[in-house]
Protein backbone atom coordinates (compact mmCIF):
# COMPACT_ATOMS: atom_id res chain seq x y z
CA MET A 1 -0.20 0.02 0.04
CA GLU A 2 1.33 3.59 -1.00
CA TYR A 3 -0.66 6.55 -0.72
CA ALA A 4 -0.30 10.30 -0.02
CA ASN A 5 -2.38 12.85 1.79
CA ASP A 6 -1.30 16.49 1.30
CA TRP A 7 1.62 16.35 3.12
CA PHE A 8 2.94 12.90 4.19
CA THR A 9 3.42 9.77 2.00
CA ILE A 10 2.83 6.54 3.41
CA GLU A 11 4.14 3.69 2.61
CA GLU A 12 3.38 -0.14 3.89
CA ILE A 13 6.71 -2.15 5.35
CA ASP A 14 5.25 -4.68 6.34
CA ASP A 15 1.61 -5.45 7.62
CA ASP A 16 1.66 -3.10 11.14
CA THR A 17 5.19 -1.35 9.99
CA PHE A 18 4.64 2.09 8.32
CA ALA A 19 7.03 4.90 6.80
CA ILE A 20 5.04 8.19 7.41
CA SER A 21 7.52 10.45 5.16
CA GLU A 22 7.96 14.13 3.96
CA TYR A 23 8.90 14.24 0.38
CA LYS A 24 7.55 17.48 -0.38
CA HIS A 25 10.87 18.91 1.47
CA TRP A 26 14.19 19.07 0.60
CA GLU A 27 15.08 17.30 4.11
CA GLU A 28 12.86 13.87 2.98
CA THR A 29 12.37 12.90 6.57
CA HIS A 30 11.03 9.79 7.62
CA CYS A 31 9.01 8.63 10.32
CA TYR A 32 7.38 5.46 11.43
CA LEU A 33 4.84 3.76 12.95
CA LEU A 34 4.77 0.36 14.53
CA CYS A 35 1.69 -1.30 15.37
CA GLY A 36 1.98 -4.19 18.36
CA THR A 37 -1.08 -6.04 19.90
CA GLU A 38 -1.40 -3.52 22.89
CA LYS A 39 -0.13 -0.37 21.63
CA ALA A 40 2.17 1.78 18.54
CA VAL A 41 5.03 3.71 18.60
CA LEU A 42 6.05 6.57 16.41
CA ILE A 43 9.69 6.65 15.91
CA ASP A 44 10.07 10.94 15.35
CA THR A 45 7.21 12.95 14.24
CA GLY A 46 8.83 14.83 11.27
CA LEU A 47 9.13 18.83 10.90
CA GLY A 48 5.86 20.16 11.66
CA VAL A 49 4.83 21.33 8.63
CA SER A 50 1.26 19.23 8.48
CA ASP A 51 -0.24 17.23 11.58
CA ILE A 52 0.84 13.94 11.44
CA SER A 53 -1.11 12.54 14.34
CA LYS A 54 -3.90 12.64 11.10
CA ALA A 55 -1.67 10.56 9.16
CA VAL A 56 -1.28 8.15 12.09
CA GLU A 57 -4.64 7.94 13.25
CA SER A 58 -5.72 6.58 9.29
CA LEU A 59 -3.53 3.89 10.12
CA THR A 60 -4.17 2.68 13.37
CA TYR A 61 -6.19 3.39 16.88
CA LEU A 62 -4.15 2.25 19.27
CA PRO A 63 -2.70 4.82 21.65
CA ILE A 64 0.82 5.80 20.89
CA LYS A 65 4.10 6.57 22.14
CA VAL A 66 6.78 8.81 20.52
CA ILE A 67 10.14 7.68 20.56
CA THR A 68 12.62 10.44 19.58
CA THR A 69 15.82 9.32 17.39
CA HIS A 70 17.19 12.30 18.58
CA ALA A 71 15.78 16.00 19.35
CA HIS A 72 16.70 17.97 15.90
CA TRP A 73 13.85 20.40 15.17
CA ASP A 74 13.48 18.51 11.84
CA HIS A 75 12.41 15.08 13.92
CA ILE A 76 10.31 16.56 17.04
CA GLY A 77 8.23 19.13 15.01
CA GLY A 78 5.36 17.09 15.29
CA HIS A 79 5.56 16.05 18.98
CA ARG A 80 3.25 18.76 19.76
CA MET A 81 0.83 16.43 18.55
CA PHE A 82 1.42 13.76 21.30
CA ASP A 83 1.18 13.42 24.92
CA ASN A 84 3.54 10.43 25.47
CA ILE A 85 7.04 11.48 24.63
CA ALA A 86 10.55 9.38 24.99
CA VAL A 87 14.01 11.09 24.57
CA HIS A 88 17.07 9.71 25.23
CA LYS A 89 18.70 11.27 28.56
CA GLU A 90 21.12 13.49 27.07
CA GLU A 91 18.71 15.43 25.06
CA ALA A 92 15.98 15.23 27.64
CA ASN A 93 16.50 19.58 27.97
CA TRP A 94 16.81 20.14 24.68
CA LEU A 95 13.22 19.53 24.71
CA SER A 96 12.65 20.90 27.86
CA ASP A 97 14.85 23.54 28.27
CA GLU A 98 16.58 25.08 25.18
CA PHE A 99 17.26 23.64 21.85
CA PRO A 100 21.13 24.43 20.78
CA LEU A 101 19.97 26.11 17.37
CA PRO A 102 18.38 29.47 17.55
CA LEU A 103 14.58 30.14 16.00
CA PRO A 104 15.79 31.99 12.98
CA VAL A 105 18.64 29.56 12.23
CA VAL A 106 16.13 26.62 11.94
CA LYS A 107 13.69 29.10 9.90
CA ASN A 108 16.45 29.48 7.73
CA ASN A 109 17.00 25.54 7.22
CA LEU A 110 13.43 25.18 6.75
CA ARG A 111 13.61 27.45 3.92
CA CYS A 112 16.80 27.19 2.48
CA LYS A 113 15.70 25.50 -0.66
CA PRO A 114 12.71 25.71 -2.71
CA CYS A 115 9.50 23.90 -1.35
CA ASP A 116 5.45 23.80 -1.93
CA PHE A 117 4.67 23.98 1.28
CA LEU A 118 0.73 23.55 2.57
CA LYS A 119 -1.22 27.12 2.09
CA GLU A 120 -2.26 27.05 5.97
CA PHE A 121 1.13 26.66 6.66
CA CYS A 122 3.28 30.01 7.70
CA SER A 123 7.05 29.44 7.89
CA ASP A 124 7.55 32.91 9.54
CA GLU A 125 5.57 31.37 12.45
CA TYR A 126 7.14 27.99 12.60
CA GLU A 127 8.27 27.32 16.19
CA ILE A 128 10.69 24.53 17.70
CA PHE A 129 8.42 21.78 19.56
CA HIS A 130 9.35 22.43 23.68
CA GLY A 131 7.39 20.28 26.49
CA ILE A 132 8.51 17.95 28.82
CA PRO A 133 9.16 14.50 27.82
CA GLN A 134 7.48 11.37 29.35
CA HIS A 135 9.92 9.01 29.33
CA ILE A 136 13.75 9.16 29.27
CA LEU A 137 15.41 6.37 27.01
CA ASN A 138 18.20 4.76 28.46
CA ASP A 139 20.72 2.47 26.43
CA GLY A 140 19.51 -0.98 26.26
CA ASP A 141 15.72 -0.06 26.83
CA CYS A 142 13.64 -2.72 25.81
CA ILE A 143 10.22 -1.55 24.48
CA ASP A 144 7.17 -4.09 24.36
CA LEU A 145 4.28 -3.06 22.39
CA GLY A 146 2.87 -6.42 22.94
CA ASN A 147 4.14 -8.93 20.67
CA ARG A 148 6.89 -6.52 19.64
CA GLN A 149 9.78 -5.50 21.05
CA LEU A 150 12.00 -2.46 20.32
CA GLU A 151 16.07 -2.24 22.01
CA VAL A 152 16.91 1.12 22.57
CA VAL A 153 20.81 1.59 21.30
CA HIS A 154 21.97 4.84 22.17
CA THR A 155 24.10 5.58 18.82
CA PRO A 156 26.11 9.28 20.03
CA GLY A 157 27.81 11.29 17.22
CA HIS A 158 25.17 13.19 15.31
CA SER A 159 23.89 14.41 18.35
CA PRO A 160 24.59 13.37 21.96
CA GLY A 161 21.32 11.58 22.97
CA HIS A 162 21.45 10.26 19.20
CA CYS A 163 19.61 6.75 18.99
CA CYS A 164 18.51 3.57 16.72
CA PHE A 165 15.82 1.69 17.44
CA TYR A 166 16.14 -2.56 16.72
CA GLU A 167 13.82 -4.56 16.29
CA PRO A 168 15.52 -8.35 17.28
CA LYS A 169 12.69 -10.79 15.65
CA ARG A 170 12.34 -8.84 12.33
CA LYS A 171 16.07 -7.48 12.10
CA TYR A 172 14.81 -3.78 11.54
CA LEU A 173 17.04 -0.79 12.15
CA TYR A 174 15.61 2.55 12.42
CA SER A 175 18.70 4.40 11.99
CA GLY A 176 17.40 7.93 12.18
CA ASP A 177 20.55 10.38 11.43
CA LEU A 178 23.25 7.45 11.48
CA ILE A 179 22.95 5.94 8.11
CA TYR A 180 21.32 6.53 5.42
CA LYS A 181 22.20 7.87 1.77
CA GLY A 182 22.89 11.44 1.44
CA CYS A 183 25.05 13.77 3.53
CA LEU A 184 26.13 13.11 7.51
CA ASP A 185 26.72 15.40 9.60
CA ALA A 186 29.16 15.64 12.31
CA PHE A 187 29.80 19.57 11.63
CA TYR A 188 27.79 21.22 14.68
CA PRO A 189 29.02 21.76 17.91
CA THR A 190 27.16 19.57 19.48
CA THR A 191 28.26 16.53 17.04
CA ASN A 192 31.49 14.35 17.49
CA PRO A 193 33.01 12.42 14.34
CA ILE A 194 34.65 10.13 16.77
CA GLN A 195 31.60 9.25 18.74
CA PHE A 196 29.85 8.84 15.36
CA TYR A 197 32.43 6.46 13.53
CA GLU A 198 31.99 4.53 17.07
CA SER A 199 28.37 4.08 16.80
CA VAL A 200 28.36 3.11 13.33
CA LYS A 201 30.70 0.17 14.16
CA ARG A 202 28.73 -1.01 17.49
CA ILE A 203 25.52 -1.00 14.55
CA GLN A 204 27.77 -3.10 12.48
CA THR A 205 28.21 -6.04 15.12
CA TYR A 206 24.06 -6.11 14.96
CA GLN A 207 22.44 -8.48 12.19
CA ILE A 208 20.19 -6.27 9.82
CA ASP A 209 17.63 -7.68 7.61
CA ARG A 210 16.17 -4.03 6.86
CA ILE A 211 17.38 -0.40 7.71
CA MET A 212 14.87 2.36 7.86
CA PRO A 213 16.81 5.49 7.32
CA GLY A 214 15.79 8.80 8.63
CA HIS A 215 16.31 11.14 5.36
CA HIS A 216 16.19 10.37 1.88
CA GLN A 217 16.16 7.30 -0.18
CA LEU A 218 13.60 4.94 2.08
CA ASP A 219 15.13 1.00 0.37
CA ILE A 220 18.81 1.30 0.91
CA GLU A 221 21.15 -1.66 0.94
CA ASN A 222 22.21 -3.12 4.32
CA ILE A 223 25.83 -3.06 2.77
CA ILE A 224 25.89 1.12 3.30
CA VAL A 225 26.68 0.69 7.28
CA ASP A 226 30.44 -1.58 5.90
CA GLU A 227 30.69 1.32 3.47
CA ILE A 228 30.38 4.25 6.03
CA VAL A 229 32.41 2.38 8.63
CA ALA A 230 35.15 2.12 5.79
CA GLY A 231 34.64 5.81 5.29
CA PHE A 232 35.11 7.26 9.01
CA SER A 233 38.42 4.86 8.60
CA GLN A 234 39.58 6.39 5.75
CA LEU A 235 39.26 9.67 7.32
CA GLU A 236 40.77 8.75 10.80
CA ARG A 237 43.85 6.81 9.14
CA SER A 238 44.44 10.31 7.25
CA GLY A 239 44.04 12.27 10.61
CA LYS A 240 41.00 14.24 8.75
CA LEU A 241 38.23 12.66 11.05
CA VAL A 242 38.13 16.34 12.90
CA GLN A 243 35.85 19.00 13.11
CA GLY A 244 35.87 21.78 10.51
CA ASN A 245 38.13 19.75 7.66
CA GLY A 246 34.60 19.95 5.19
CA LEU A 247 33.34 17.59 2.98
CA PHE A 248 33.99 14.32 1.57
CA ASP A 249 32.13 12.81 -0.93
CA PHE A 250 31.84 8.56 -0.98
CA GLY A 251 29.31 8.38 -3.50
CA ASP A 252 26.18 7.42 -1.97
CA PHE A 253 26.84 9.23 0.99
CA GLN A 254 29.39 11.88 1.92
CA ILE A 255 30.73 12.72 5.78
CA HIS A 256 30.45 16.63 6.70
CA LEU A 257 33.27 17.42 9.31
């Protein structure tokens, strides 16, 4: 099944797993709805340009828990639509206290490339989500949906509290901004290239049948994990794995330091 509403494209991964994507924006952000027998989780909530809760309601009546790969603006924009939110402990204050980027910078990122926004959306009025998370995620936590379990895998580097979510039974990896085809960012003050490299190496040890990336092309080959490790390794060996060294192109992905 694949269909689109005014903003989101919804694609069926399997009978009870869905990608909810924002292909109309240059970020091409993916969120994921996982339905169990007792509850559902929504991994990230996207930009906040349109009400993602309506897309979720079209797919399930189960109670929803939002789990956050990381608290960057393009992954938490729809958090305001939900009242059960979880984030890693390292980034709880980004939601409840102060986001690390000023609002004008975020608005510039939102509008930096042409986009056919919804008529009812006004980018001048865009706000970064601010609220108190109801749950704190820690490395190794198990999230039980009833007949489905997710493991929280703390993978810092892109951000201090970045997490991937691994589903052992199906061998699905929800990789957030750690692994995707596109530019892997480790140049912000809150990023850490060495931790990013170590986190991808950690993911390399998992048995993965399918990767669910945070951005861009949805169907990617698992070999990209090994390729990203090799890219970081090359930069480390050459002494270039340091912030400020610029953009390095490896074909299917780039590493921005």
